[in-house]
């Protein structure tokens, strides 16, 4: 379970030093940290992050792009729903609190 976080931190260190993320660079950091990582992970992270601006990814909280737009609700439907909500809230008003 240490493999993924180790590769993530290695990629962040490389980005902070303005070094392009490559498999051999990740391996070098992992070796320097004396951490055992499955051999699959450094290459996988290097391929995934090859064309990614890690700084932008970190600053935008992982947002890959604009949020999907939701269909606009026409104003008439909003009024009908608001009226329906107010009618429902009036249904239970036929008793008093201290009766």
PDB file of N, CA and C in Angstrom:
ATOM      1  N   UNK A   1       0.810  -1.194   0.000  1.00  0.00           N
ATOM      2  CA  UNK A   1       0.000   0.000   0.000  1.00  0.00           C
ATOM      3  C   UNK A   1       0.860   1.268   0.000  1.00  0.00           C
ATOM      4  N   UNK A   2       2.134   1.109   0.100  1.00  0.00           N
ATOM      5  CA  UNK A   2       3.037   2.252   0.131  1.00  0.00           C
ATOM      6  C   UNK A   2       3.380   2.715  -1.281  1.00  0.00           C
ATOM      7  N   UNK A   3       3.172   1.875  -2.264  1.00  0.00           N
ATOM      8  CA  UNK A   3       3.604   2.176  -3.633  1.00  0.00           C
ATOM      9  C   UNK A   3       2.965   3.435  -4.207  1.00  0.00           C
ATOM     10  N   UNK A   4       1.652   3.541  -4.117  1.00  0.00           N
ATOM     11  CA  UNK A   4       0.966   4.679  -4.722  1.00  0.00           C
ATOM     12  C   UNK A   4       1.347   6.009  -4.065  1.00  0.00           C
ATOM     13  N   UNK A   5       1.246   6.120  -2.731  1.00  0.00           N
ATOM     14  CA  UNK A   5       1.634   7.397  -2.126  1.00  0.00           C
ATOM     15  C   UNK A   5       3.087   7.771  -2.390  1.00  0.00           C
ATOM     16  N   UNK A   6       3.962   6.776  -2.425  1.00  0.00           N
ATOM     17  CA  UNK A   6       5.377   7.053  -2.688  1.00  0.00           C
ATOM     18  C   UNK A   6       5.555   7.649  -4.082  1.00  0.00           C
ATOM     19  N   UNK A   7       4.850   7.101  -5.056  1.00  0.00           N
ATOM     20  CA  UNK A   7       4.941   7.637  -6.418  1.00  0.00           C
ATOM     21  C   UNK A   7       4.306   9.021  -6.515  1.00  0.00           C
ATOM     22  N   UNK A   8       3.225   9.232  -5.785  1.00  0.00           N
ATOM     23  CA  UNK A   8       2.586  10.549  -5.787  1.00  0.00           C
ATOM     24  C   UNK A   8       3.532  11.596  -5.218  1.00  0.00           C
ATOM     25  N   UNK A   9       4.108  11.291  -4.067  1.00  0.00           N
ATOM     26  CA  UNK A   9       5.036  12.241  -3.448  1.00  0.00           C
ATOM     27  C   UNK A   9       6.267  12.464  -4.328  1.00  0.00           C
ATOM     28  N   UNK A  10       6.738  11.419  -4.971  1.00  0.00           N
ATOM     29  CA  UNK A  10       7.880  11.568  -5.882  1.00  0.00           C
ATOM     30  C   UNK A  10       7.538  12.507  -7.029  1.00  0.00           C
ATOM     31  N   UNK A  11       6.345  12.351  -7.589  1.00  0.00           N
ATOM     32  CA  UNK A  11       5.914  13.226  -8.680  1.00  0.00           C
ATOM     33  C   UNK A  11       5.792  14.671  -8.199  1.00  0.00           C
ATOM     34  N   UNK A  12       5.294  14.861  -6.983  1.00  0.00           N
ATOM     35  CA  UNK A  12       5.179  16.214  -6.437  1.00  0.00           C
ATOM     36  C   UNK A  12       6.548  16.842  -6.208  1.00  0.00           C
ATOM     37  N   UNK A  13       7.500  16.045  -5.743  1.00  0.00           N
ATOM     38  CA  UNK A  13       8.859  16.552  -5.538  1.00  0.00           C
ATOM     39  C   UNK A  13       9.472  16.956  -6.881  1.00  0.00           C
ATOM     40  N   UNK A  14       9.290  16.115  -7.877  1.00  0.00           N
ATOM     41  CA  UNK A  14       9.825  16.433  -9.206  1.00  0.00           C
ATOM     42  C   UNK A  14       9.188  17.704  -9.762  1.00  0.00           C
ATOM     43  N   UNK A  15       7.890  17.844  -9.588  1.00  0.00           N
ATOM     44  CA  UNK A  15       7.204  19.030 -10.078  1.00  0.00           C
ATOM     45  C   UNK A  15       7.689  20.267  -9.342  1.00  0.00           C
ATOM     46  N   UNK A  16       7.896  20.135  -8.034  1.00  0.00           N
ATOM     47  CA  UNK A  16       8.368  21.266  -7.242  1.00  0.00           C
ATOM     48  C   UNK A  16       9.763  21.714  -7.681  1.00  0.00           C
ATOM     49  N   UNK A  17      10.581  20.754  -8.085  1.00  0.00           N
ATOM     50  CA  UNK A  17      11.920  21.069  -8.583  1.00  0.00           C
ATOM     51  C   UNK A  17      11.927  21.404 -10.077  1.00  0.00           C
ATOM     52  N   UNK A  18      10.729  21.465 -10.664  1.00  0.00           N
ATOM     53  CA  UNK A  18      10.558  21.766 -12.085  1.00  0.00           C
ATOM     54  C   UNK A  18      11.296  20.785 -12.982  1.00  0.00           C
ATOM     55  N   UNK A  19      11.227  19.508 -12.589  1.00  0.00           N
ATOM     56  CA  UNK A  19      11.815  18.418 -13.369  1.00  0.00           C
ATOM     57  C   UNK A  19      10.665  17.625 -13.974  1.00  0.00           C
ATOM     58  N   UNK A  20      10.797  17.279 -15.231  1.00  0.00           N
ATOM     59  CA  UNK A  20       9.750  16.508 -15.899  1.00  0.00           C
ATOM     60  C   UNK A  20       9.622  15.125 -15.260  1.00  0.00           C
ATOM     61  N   UNK A  21       8.397  14.696 -15.017  1.00  0.00           N
ATOM     62  CA  UNK A  21       8.151  13.405 -14.368  1.00  0.00           C
ATOM     63  C   UNK A  21       8.419  12.284 -15.361  1.00  0.00           C
ATOM     64  N   UNK A  22       9.427  11.485 -15.045  1.00  0.00           N
ATOM     65  CA  UNK A  22       9.795  10.331 -15.866  1.00  0.00           C
ATOM     66  C   UNK A  22      10.002   9.140 -14.940  1.00  0.00           C
ATOM     67  N   UNK A  23       9.882   7.965 -15.508  1.00  0.00           N
ATOM     68  CA  UNK A  23      10.000   6.745 -14.716  1.00  0.00           C
ATOM     69  C   UNK A  23      11.347   6.660 -14.006  1.00  0.00           C
ATOM     70  N   UNK A  24      12.427   6.972 -14.708  1.00  0.00           N
ATOM     71  CA  UNK A  24      13.752   6.866 -14.088  1.00  0.00           C
ATOM     72  C   UNK A  24      13.937   7.875 -12.953  1.00  0.00           C
ATOM     73  N   UNK A  25      13.314   9.051 -13.077  1.00  0.00           N
ATOM     74  CA  UNK A  25      13.404  10.057 -12.012  1.00  0.00           C
ATOM     75  C   UNK A  25      12.622   9.602 -10.775  1.00  0.00           C
ATOM     76  N   UNK A  26      11.458   9.004 -10.997  1.00  0.00           N
ATOM     77  CA  UNK A  26      10.682   8.478  -9.873  1.00  0.00           C
ATOM     78  C   UNK A  26      11.448   7.360  -9.191  1.00  0.00           C
ATOM     79  N   UNK A  27      12.045   6.456  -9.996  1.00  0.00           N
ATOM     80  CA  UNK A  27      12.857   5.366  -9.426  1.00  0.00           C
ATOM     81  C   UNK A  27      14.011   5.926  -8.590  1.00  0.00           C
ATOM     82  N   UNK A  28      14.650   6.968  -9.083  1.00  0.00           N
ATOM     83  CA  UNK A  28      15.787   7.551  -8.361  1.00  0.00           C
ATOM     84  C   UNK A  28      15.359   8.095  -6.997  1.00  0.00           C
ATOM     85  N   UNK A  29      14.229   8.780  -6.952  1.00  0.00           N
ATOM     86  CA  UNK A  29      13.732   9.305  -5.671  1.00  0.00           C
ATOM     87  C   UNK A  29      13.336   8.183  -4.714  1.00  0.00           C
ATOM     88  N   UNK A  30      12.705   7.158  -5.253  1.00  0.00           N
ATOM     89  CA  UNK A  30      12.288   6.028  -4.415  1.00  0.00           C
ATOM     90  C   UNK A  30      13.502   5.304  -3.851  1.00  0.00           C
ATOM     91  N   UNK A  31      14.518   5.137  -4.684  1.00  0.00           N
ATOM     92  CA  UNK A  31      15.748   4.482  -4.227  1.00  0.00           C
ATOM     93  C   UNK A  31      16.437   5.327  -3.159  1.00  0.00           C
ATOM     94  N   UNK A  32      16.456   6.640  -3.354  1.00  0.00           N
ATOM     95  CA  UNK A  32      17.083   7.534  -2.381  1.00  0.00           C
ATOM     96  C   UNK A  32      16.329   7.525  -1.049  1.00  0.00           C
ATOM     97  N   UNK A  33      15.031   7.324  -1.107  1.00  0.00           N
ATOM     98  CA  UNK A  33      14.218   7.284   0.112  1.00  0.00           C
ATOM     99  C   UNK A  33      14.248   5.903   0.766  1.00  0.00           C
ATOM    100  N   UNK A  34      14.840   4.934   0.091  1.00  0.00           N
ATOM    101  CA  UNK A  34      14.947   3.558   0.585  1.00  0.00           C
ATOM    102  C   UNK A  34      13.571   2.970   0.894  1.00  0.00           C
ATOM    103  N   UNK A  35      12.675   3.093  -0.101  1.00  0.00           N
ATOM    104  CA  UNK A  35      11.312   2.571   0.024  1.00  0.00           C
ATOM    105  C   UNK A  35      11.128   1.474  -1.012  1.00  0.00           C
ATOM    106  N   UNK A  36      10.484   0.401  -0.607  1.00  0.00           N
ATOM    107  CA  UNK A  36      10.188  -0.693  -1.534  1.00  0.00           C
ATOM    108  C   UNK A  36       8.845  -0.426  -2.207  1.00  0.00           C
ATOM    109  N   UNK A  37       8.883  -0.391  -3.532  1.00  0.00           N
ATOM    110  CA  UNK A  37       7.688  -0.119  -4.331  1.00  0.00           C
ATOM    111  C   UNK A  37       7.572  -1.193  -5.398  1.00  0.00           C
ATOM    112  N   UNK A  38       6.335  -1.592  -5.680  1.00  0.00           N
ATOM    113  CA  UNK A  38       6.123  -2.545  -6.762  1.00  0.00           C
ATOM    114  C   UNK A  38       6.581  -1.905  -8.071  1.00  0.00           C
ATOM    115  N   UNK A  39       7.267  -2.656  -8.921  1.00  0.00           N
ATOM    116  CA  UNK A  39       7.869  -2.083 -10.129  1.00  0.00           C
ATOM    117  C   UNK A  39       6.868  -1.490 -11.120  1.00  0.00           C
ATOM    118  N   UNK A  40       5.618  -1.853 -11.025  1.00  0.00           N
ATOM    119  CA  UNK A  40       4.593  -1.357 -11.941  1.00  0.00           C
ATOM    120  C   UNK A  40       4.312   0.134 -11.747  1.00  0.00           C
ATOM    121  N   UNK A  41       4.301   0.607 -10.525  1.00  0.00           N
ATOM    122  CA  UNK A  41       3.813   1.946 -10.197  1.00  0.00           C
ATOM    123  C   UNK A  41       4.618   3.115 -10.771  1.00  0.00           C
ATOM    124  N   UNK A  42       5.917   3.148 -10.682  1.00  0.00           N
ATOM    125  CA  UNK A  42       6.632   4.321 -11.224  1.00  0.00           C
ATOM    126  C   UNK A  42       6.382   4.542 -12.714  1.00  0.00           C
ATOM    127  N   UNK A  43       6.394   3.466 -13.492  1.00  0.00           N
ATOM    128  CA  UNK A  43       6.136   3.585 -14.927  1.00  0.00           C
ATOM    129  C   UNK A  43       4.712   4.032 -15.210  1.00  0.00           C
ATOM    130  N   UNK A  44       3.773   3.513 -14.427  1.00  0.00           N
ATOM    131  CA  UNK A  44       2.377   3.886 -14.600  1.00  0.00           C
ATOM    132  C   UNK A  44       2.163   5.374 -14.307  1.00  0.00           C
ATOM    133  N   UNK A  45       2.726   5.830 -13.202  1.00  0.00           N
ATOM    134  CA  UNK A  45       2.603   7.248 -12.862  1.00  0.00           C
ATOM    135  C   UNK A  45       3.295   8.131 -13.890  1.00  0.00           C
ATOM    136  N   UNK A  46       4.433   7.700 -14.378  1.00  0.00           N
ATOM    137  CA  UNK A  46       5.152   8.487 -15.386  1.00  0.00           C
ATOM    138  C   UNK A  46       4.319   8.614 -16.660  1.00  0.00           C
ATOM    139  N   UNK A  47       3.666   7.542 -17.077  1.00  0.00           N
ATOM    140  CA  UNK A  47       2.831   7.592 -18.283  1.00  0.00           C
ATOM    141  C   UNK A  47       1.609   8.473 -18.078  1.00  0.00           C
ATOM    142  N   UNK A  48       0.969   8.347 -16.928  1.00  0.00           N
ATOM    143  CA  UNK A  48      -0.242   9.124 -16.657  1.00  0.00           C
ATOM    144  C   UNK A  48       0.069  10.612 -16.560  1.00  0.00           C
ATOM    145  N   UNK A  49       1.193  10.949 -15.942  1.00  0.00           N
ATOM    146  CA  UNK A  49       1.521  12.352 -15.696  1.00  0.00           C
ATOM    147  C   UNK A  49       2.392  12.975 -16.777  1.00  0.00           C
ATOM    148  N   UNK A  50       2.641  12.248 -17.856  1.00  0.00           N
ATOM    149  CA  UNK A  50       3.536  12.740 -18.911  1.00  0.00           C
ATOM    150  C   UNK A  50       3.059  14.064 -19.503  1.00  0.00           C
ATOM    151  N   UNK A  51       1.779  14.196 -19.757  1.00  0.00           N
ATOM    152  CA  UNK A  51       1.252  15.406 -20.401  1.00  0.00           C
ATOM    153  C   UNK A  51       0.336  16.194 -19.472  1.00  0.00           C
ATOM    154  N   UNK A  52       0.559  16.065 -18.170  1.00  0.00           N
ATOM    155  CA  UNK A  52      -0.288  16.736 -17.193  1.00  0.00           C
ATOM    156  C   UNK A  52       0.516  17.820 -16.488  1.00  0.00           C
ATOM    157  N   UNK A  53      -0.079  18.974 -16.344  1.00  0.00           N
ATOM    158  CA  UNK A  53       0.532  20.040 -15.572  1.00  0.00           C
ATOM    159  C   UNK A  53       0.171  19.786 -14.107  1.00  0.00           C
ATOM    160  N   UNK A  54       1.088  19.208 -13.361  1.00  0.00           N
ATOM    161  CA  UNK A  54       0.815  18.810 -11.984  1.00  0.00           C
ATOM    162  C   UNK A  54       0.518  20.025 -11.110  1.00  0.00           C
ATOM    163  N   UNK A  55       1.199  21.121 -11.346  1.00  0.00           N
ATOM    164  CA  UNK A  55       0.947  22.340 -10.577  1.00  0.00           C
ATOM    165  C   UNK A  55      -0.487  22.813 -10.732  1.00  0.00           C
ATOM    166  N   UNK A  56      -0.989  22.784 -11.939  1.00  0.00           N
ATOM    167  CA  UNK A  56      -2.368  23.173 -12.198  1.00  0.00           C
ATOM    168  C   UNK A  56      -3.333  22.180 -11.571  1.00  0.00           C
ATOM    169  N   UNK A  57      -2.984  20.917 -11.632  1.00  0.00           N
ATOM    170  CA  UNK A  57      -3.824  19.873 -11.042  1.00  0.00           C
ATOM    171  C   UNK A  57      -3.943  20.061  -9.543  1.00  0.00           C
ATOM    172  N   UNK A  58      -2.845  20.391  -8.895  1.00  0.00           N
ATOM    173  CA  UNK A  58      -2.849  20.603  -7.447  1.00  0.00           C
ATOM    174  C   UNK A  58      -3.617  21.868  -7.087  1.00  0.00           C
ATOM    175  N   UNK A  59      -3.380  22.930  -7.822  1.00  0.00           N
ATOM    176  CA  UNK A  59      -4.024  24.217  -7.507  1.00  0.00           C
ATOM    177  C   UNK A  59      -5.526  24.197  -7.759  1.00  0.00           C
ATOM    178  N   UNK A  60      -5.968  23.411  -8.715  1.00  0.00           N
ATOM    179  CA  UNK A  60      -7.395  23.351  -9.036  1.00  0.00           C
ATOM    180  C   UNK A  60      -8.105  22.216  -8.323  1.00  0.00           C
ATOM    181  N   UNK A  61      -7.445  21.569  -7.413  1.00  0.00           N
ATOM    182  CA  UNK A  61      -8.095  20.503  -6.649  1.00  0.00           C
ATOM    183  C   UNK A  61      -8.471  19.298  -7.467  1.00  0.00           C
ATOM    184  N   UNK A  62      -7.764  19.045  -8.537  1.00  0.00           N
ATOM    185  CA  UNK A  62      -8.029  17.869  -9.336  1.00  0.00           C
ATOM    186  C   UNK A  62      -9.101  18.065 -10.381  1.00  0.00           C
ATOM    187  N   UNK A  63      -9.580  19.283 -10.533  1.00  0.00           N
ATOM    188  CA  UNK A  63     -10.609  19.544 -11.525  1.00  0.00           C
ATOM    189  C   UNK A  63     -10.038  19.325 -12.914  1.00  0.00           C
ATOM    190  N   UNK A  64     -10.649  18.438 -13.650  1.00  0.00           N
ATOM    191  CA  UNK A  64     -10.163  18.135 -14.980  1.00  0.00           C
ATOM    192  C   UNK A  64     -10.689  19.069 -16.043  1.00  0.00           C
ATOM    193  N   UNK A  65     -11.640  19.861 -15.710  1.00  0.00           N
ATOM    194  CA  UNK A  65     -12.225  20.762 -16.684  1.00  0.00           C
ATOM    195  C   UNK A  65     -13.432  21.443 -16.086  1.00  0.00           C
ATOM    196  N   UNK A  66     -14.210  22.091 -16.929  1.00  0.00           N
ATOM    197  CA  UNK A  66     -15.377  22.791 -16.405  1.00  0.00           C
ATOM    198  C   UNK A  66     -16.417  21.791 -15.907  1.00  0.00           C
ATOM    199  N   UNK A  67     -17.187  22.207 -14.946  1.00  0.00           N
ATOM    200  CA  UNK A  67     -18.236  21.348 -14.405  1.00  0.00           C
ATOM    201  C   UNK A  67     -19.320  21.158 -15.454  1.00  0.00           C
ATOM    202  N   UNK A  68     -19.911  19.976 -15.480  1.00  0.00           N
ATOM    203  CA  UNK A  68     -20.981  19.760 -16.452  1.00  0.00           C
ATOM    204  C   UNK A  68     -22.148  20.690 -16.151  1.00  0.00           C
ATOM    205  N   UNK A  69     -22.714  21.231 -17.196  1.00  0.00           N
ATOM    206  CA  UNK A  69     -23.809  22.176 -16.997  1.00  0.00           C
ATOM    207  C   UNK A  69     -25.096  21.418 -16.715  1.00  0.00           C
ATOM    208  N   UNK A  70     -25.899  21.981 -15.857  1.00  0.00           N
ATOM    209  CA  UNK A  70     -27.202  21.394 -15.552  1.00  0.00           C
ATOM    210  C   UNK A  70     -28.234  22.108 -16.395  1.00  0.00           C
ATOM    211  N   UNK A  71     -29.247  21.392 -16.818  1.00  0.00           N
ATOM    212  CA  UNK A  71     -30.252  22.050 -17.644  1.00  0.00           C
ATOM    213  C   UNK A  71     -30.972  23.127 -16.838  1.00  0.00           C
ATOM    214  N   UNK A  72     -31.203  24.235 -17.472  1.00  0.00           N
ATOM    215  CA  UNK A  72     -31.873  25.353 -16.801  1.00  0.00           C
ATOM    216  C   UNK A  72     -33.348  25.029 -16.623  1.00  0.00           C
ATOM    217  N   UNK A  73     -33.877  25.352 -15.466  1.00  0.00           N
ATOM    218  CA  UNK A  73     -35.291  25.141 -15.194  1.00  0.00           C
ATOM    219  C   UNK A  73     -36.013  26.432 -15.544  1.00  0.00           C
ATOM    220  N   UNK A  74     -37.019  26.333 -16.394  1.00  0.00           N
ATOM    221  CA  UNK A  74     -37.757  27.554 -16.732  1.00  0.00           C
ATOM    222  C   UNK A  74     -38.364  28.196 -15.490  1.00  0.00           C
ATOM    223  N   UNK A  75     -38.511  29.508 -15.529  1.00  0.00           N
ATOM    224  CA  UNK A  75     -39.011  30.270 -14.385  1.00  0.00           C
ATOM    225  C   UNK A  75     -40.404  29.819 -13.974  1.00  0.00           C
ATOM    226  N   UNK A  76     -41.237  29.422 -14.925  1.00  0.00           N
ATOM    227  CA  UNK A  76     -42.599  28.982 -14.604  1.00  0.00           C
ATOM    228  C   UNK A  76     -42.579  27.746 -13.720  1.00  0.00           C
ATOM    229  N   UNK A  77     -41.696  26.798 -14.036  1.00  0.00           N
ATOM    230  CA  UNK A  77     -41.599  25.587 -13.225  1.00  0.00           C
ATOM    231  C   UNK A  77     -41.129  25.913 -11.821  1.00  0.00           C
ATOM    232  N   UNK A  78     -40.209  26.856 -11.700  1.00  0.00           N
ATOM    233  CA  UNK A  78     -39.736  27.250 -10.380  1.00  0.00           C
ATOM    234  C   UNK A  78     -40.866  27.849  -9.562  1.00  0.00           C
ATOM    235  N   UNK A  79     -41.705  28.683 -10.185  1.00  0.00           N
ATOM    236  CA  UNK A  79     -42.827  29.288  -9.482  1.00  0.00           C
ATOM    237  C   UNK A  79     -43.821  28.227  -9.037  1.00  0.00           C
ATOM    238  N   UNK A  80     -44.107  27.258  -9.919  1.00  0.00           N
ATOM    239  CA  UNK A  80     -45.047  26.188  -9.589  1.00  0.00           C
ATOM    240  C   UNK A  80     -44.508  25.375  -8.418  1.00  0.00           C
ATOM    241  N   UNK A  81     -43.219  25.047  -8.446  1.00  0.00           N
ATOM    242  CA  UNK A  81     -42.628  24.283  -7.354  1.00  0.00           C
ATOM    243  C   UNK A  81     -42.641  25.075  -6.053  1.00  0.00           C
ATOM    244  N   UNK A  82     -42.352  26.379  -6.124  1.00  0.00           N
ATOM    245  CA  UNK A  82     -42.367  27.214  -4.930  1.00  0.00           C
ATOM    246  C   UNK A  82     -43.775  27.287  -4.354  1.00  0.00           C
ATOM    247  N   UNK A  83     -44.779  27.433  -5.216  1.00  0.00           N
ATOM    248  CA  UNK A  83     -46.172  27.486  -4.774  1.00  0.00           C
ATOM    249  C   UNK A  83     -46.576  26.163  -4.138  1.00  0.00           C
ATOM    250  N   UNK A  84     -46.153  25.063  -4.749  1.00  0.00           N
ATOM    251  CA  UNK A  84     -46.468  23.734  -4.232  1.00  0.00           C
ATOM    252  C   UNK A  84     -45.835  23.552  -2.845  1.00  0.00           C
ATOM    253  N   UNK A  85     -44.609  23.995  -2.671  1.00  0.00           N
ATOM    254  CA  UNK A  85     -43.937  23.899  -1.373  1.00  0.00           C
ATOM    255  C   UNK A  85     -44.661  24.716  -0.316  1.00  0.00           C
ATOM    256  N   UNK A  86     -45.117  25.926  -0.673  1.00  0.00           N
ATOM    257  CA  UNK A  86     -45.803  26.764   0.312  1.00  0.00           C
ATOM    258  C   UNK A  86     -47.156  26.170   0.669  1.00  0.00           C
ATOM    259  N   UNK A  87     -47.831  25.531  -0.292  1.00  0.00           N
ATOM    260  CA  UNK A  87     -49.107  24.879   0.005  1.00  0.00           C
ATOM    261  C   UNK A  87     -48.905  23.709   0.955  1.00  0.00           C
ATOM    262  N   UNK A  88     -47.857  22.938   0.748  1.00  0.00           N
ATOM    263  CA  UNK A  88     -47.585  21.803   1.612  1.00  0.00           C
ATOM    264  C   UNK A  88     -47.273  22.249   3.035  1.00  0.00           C
ATOM    265  N   UNK A  89     -46.586  23.357   3.182  1.00  0.00           N
ATOM    266  CA  UNK A  89     -46.242  23.817   4.515  1.00  0.00           C
ATOM    267  C   UNK A  89     -47.457  24.365   5.249  1.00  0.00           C
ATOM    268  N   UNK A  90     -48.495  24.794   4.534  1.00  0.00           N
ATOM    269  CA  UNK A  90     -49.710  25.308   5.159  1.00  0.00           C
ATOM    270  C   UNK A  90     -50.662  24.191   5.576  1.00  0.00           C
ATOM    271  N   UNK A  91     -50.459  22.976   5.116  1.00  0.00           N
ATOM    272  CA  UNK A  91     -51.371  21.873   5.408  1.00  0.00           C
ATOM    273  C   UNK A  91     -51.463  21.574   6.896  1.00  0.00           C
ATOM    274  N   UNK A  92     -50.407  21.689   7.618  1.00  0.00           N
ATOM    275  CA  UNK A  92     -50.398  21.320   9.032  1.00  0.00           C
ATOM    276  C   UNK A  92     -50.661  22.501   9.963  1.00  0.00           C
ATOM    277  N   UNK A  93     -51.261  23.571   9.473  1.00  0.00           N
ATOM    278  CA  UNK A  93     -51.443  24.770  10.262  1.00  0.00           C
ATOM    279  C   UNK A  93     -52.823  24.839  10.924  1.00  0.00           C
ATOM    280  N   UNK A  94     -53.613  23.745  10.926  1.00  0.00           N
ATOM    281  CA  UNK A  94     -54.947  23.801  11.487  1.00  0.00           C
ATOM    282  C   UNK A  94     -55.000  23.438  12.965  1.00  0.00           C
ATOM    283  N   UNK A  95     -53.902  23.410  13.657  1.00  0.00           N
ATOM    284  CA  UNK A  95     -53.896  23.165  15.095  1.00  0.00           C
ATOM    285  C   UNK A  95     -52.947  24.140  15.769  1.00  0.00           C
ATOM    286  N   UNK A  96     -53.213  24.379  17.027  1.00  0.00           N
ATOM    287  CA  UNK A  96     -52.360  25.297  17.782  1.00  0.00           C
ATOM    288  C   UNK A  96     -51.340  24.537  18.598  1.00  0.00           C
ATOM    289  N   UNK A  97     -50.336  25.188  18.994  1.00  0.00           N
ATOM    290  CA  UNK A  97     -49.268  24.572  19.750  1.00  0.00           C
ATOM    291  C   UNK A  97     -49.715  24.169  21.153  1.00  0.00           C
ATOM    292  N   UNK A  98     -50.598  24.963  21.770  1.00  0.00           N
ATOM    293  CA  UNK A  98     -51.011  24.696  23.142  1.00  0.00           C
ATOM    294  C   UNK A  98     -52.463  24.243  23.250  1.00  0.00           C
ATOM    295  N   UNK A  99     -53.044  23.728  22.199  1.00  0.00           N
ATOM    296  CA  UNK A  99     -54.455  23.269  22.238  1.00  0.00           C
ATOM    297  C   UNK A  99     -54.601  21.952  22.949  1.00  0.00           C
TER     298      UNK A  99
END
